[in-house]
Amino acid sequence: MSTNSFRAKVIPVYRAILRELYQASIEPRSTRSRTTALKFRAILESTTPSNFESTSQNVITFLLSQRMHKTLLDRYNPLFDLTAEERIEATAHRVGLNMPITHQGEKAE
């Protein structure tokens, strides 16, 4: 396979990987580290043309699956990333109750 035809295959795959990386990122684009993208680029550059397609498809499938997993986790387990106190309050709200206001005793001086 010539270098130009291989490069023509690499560019769209590399862009697809970057697109998945950026969609999975929780940080805004201006503060996002480029380290991950550079490491993926190094991996793809070191890949031989014979196993490039399988390696790149595995990477894209993994990133897509990770993003889908996070979406499903957020949708079906909304209490996942809350603290214990927030989880208790959300559970009480779900069944129509309000948590009592806890009394903060006077400080002894």
Protein backbone atom coordinates (compact mmCIF):
# COMPACT_ATOMS: atom_id res chain seq x y z
CA MET A 1 0.00 0.00 0.00
CA SER A 2 1.46 3.37 -0.93
CA THR A 3 2.09 6.04 1.68
CA ASN A 4 -0.52 8.42 0.23
CA SER A 5 -3.32 5.85 0.21
CA PHE A 6 -2.42 4.78 3.75
CA ARG A 7 -2.39 8.41 4.86
CA ALA A 8 -5.78 8.91 3.20
CA LYS A 9 -7.13 6.08 5.38
CA VAL A 10 -5.42 7.32 8.54
CA ILE A 11 -6.72 10.90 8.56
CA PRO A 12 -10.48 10.13 8.78
CA VAL A 13 -9.89 7.47 11.43
CA TYR A 14 -7.69 9.83 13.46
CA ARG A 15 -10.39 12.51 13.25
CA ALA A 16 -13.04 10.00 14.37
CA ILE A 17 -10.92 9.11 17.38
CA LEU A 18 -10.39 12.77 18.25
CA ARG A 19 -14.12 13.42 17.88
CA GLU A 20 -14.90 10.63 20.35
CA LEU A 21 -12.23 11.87 22.75
CA TYR A 22 -13.61 15.39 22.68
CA GLN A 23 -17.22 14.25 23.12
CA ALA A 24 -16.22 12.14 26.12
CA SER A 25 -14.30 14.97 27.75
CA ILE A 26 -15.90 16.74 30.70
CA GLU A 27 -13.65 19.78 30.53
CA PRO A 28 -14.24 22.76 28.24
CA ARG A 29 -12.16 22.79 25.10
CA SER A 30 -10.04 25.75 26.23
CA THR A 31 -8.79 23.94 29.36
CA ARG A 32 -8.56 20.44 27.90
CA SER A 33 -5.15 18.79 27.91
CA ARG A 34 -3.78 17.73 24.55
CA THR A 35 -1.81 14.86 26.11
CA THR A 36 -4.44 12.21 25.41
CA ALA A 37 -4.80 13.18 21.77
CA LEU A 38 -1.02 13.21 21.33
CA LYS A 39 -0.71 9.74 22.88
CA PHE A 40 -3.37 8.37 20.52
CA ARG A 41 -1.56 9.98 17.63
CA ALA A 42 1.70 8.30 18.69
CA ILE A 43 -0.07 4.94 18.93
CA LEU A 44 -1.58 5.31 15.47
CA GLU A 45 1.73 6.44 13.97
CA SER A 46 3.51 3.41 15.41
CA THR A 47 0.86 1.01 14.08
CA THR A 48 1.79 -0.95 10.99
CA PRO A 49 -0.52 -0.70 7.97
CA SER A 50 -1.45 -4.37 8.28
CA ASN A 51 -3.09 -4.04 11.71
CA PHE A 52 -4.09 -0.39 11.49
CA GLU A 53 -7.77 -0.98 10.72
CA SER A 54 -8.36 -3.40 13.57
CA THR A 55 -6.45 -1.26 16.07
CA SER A 56 -8.25 1.92 15.09
CA GLN A 57 -11.68 0.24 15.10
CA ASN A 58 -10.96 -1.13 18.57
CA VAL A 59 -10.04 2.33 19.82
CA ILE A 60 -13.15 3.94 18.31
CA THR A 61 -15.41 1.19 19.67
CA PHE A 62 -13.89 1.52 23.13
CA LEU A 63 -14.32 5.29 23.23
CA LEU A 64 -17.89 5.11 21.94
CA SER A 65 -18.74 2.42 24.50
CA GLN A 66 -17.24 4.46 27.34
CA ARG A 67 -19.32 7.49 26.36
CA MET A 68 -22.48 5.40 26.04
CA HIS A 69 -21.81 3.77 29.41
CA LYS A 70 -21.52 7.17 31.08
CA THR A 71 -24.73 8.37 29.40
CA LEU A 72 -26.65 5.29 30.54
CA LEU A 73 -25.22 5.50 34.04
CA ASP A 74 -26.30 9.14 34.33
CA ARG A 75 -29.76 8.33 32.95
CA TYR A 76 -30.60 5.23 34.98
CA ASN A 77 -28.57 5.87 38.13
CA PRO A 78 -28.81 9.63 38.74
CA LEU A 79 -27.60 9.30 42.34
CA PHE A 80 -24.28 7.82 41.25
CA ASP A 81 -22.07 10.90 41.63
CA LEU A 82 -23.73 12.47 44.69
CA THR A 83 -22.36 12.63 48.21
CA ALA A 84 -24.02 10.49 50.88
CA GLU A 85 -26.01 13.44 52.24
CA GLU A 86 -27.19 14.52 48.78
CA ARG A 87 -28.16 10.91 47.98
CA ILE A 88 -30.29 10.65 51.14
CA GLU A 89 -31.99 13.98 50.38
CA ALA A 90 -32.69 12.97 46.75
CA THR A 91 -34.13 9.64 47.89
CA ALA A 92 -36.41 11.42 50.37
CA HIS A 93 -37.59 13.81 47.65
CA ARG A 94 -38.31 10.86 45.36
CA VAL A 95 -40.87 9.44 47.81
CA GLY A 96 -42.37 12.84 48.60
CA LEU A 97 -40.61 13.67 51.84
CA ASN A 98 -38.44 16.57 52.89
CA MET A 99 -35.44 16.06 55.08
CA PRO A 100 -35.67 17.71 58.51
CA ILE A 101 -33.41 20.66 59.14
CA THR A 102 -30.63 19.51 61.40
CA HIS A 103 -29.89 21.70 64.38
CA GLN A 104 -26.38 23.00 64.57
CA GLY A 105 -25.82 23.32 68.34
CA GLU A 106 -24.35 26.50 69.80
CA LYS A 107 -20.60 26.55 69.90
CA ALA A 108 -19.10 26.42 73.38
CA GLU A 109 -16.60 29.15 73.95
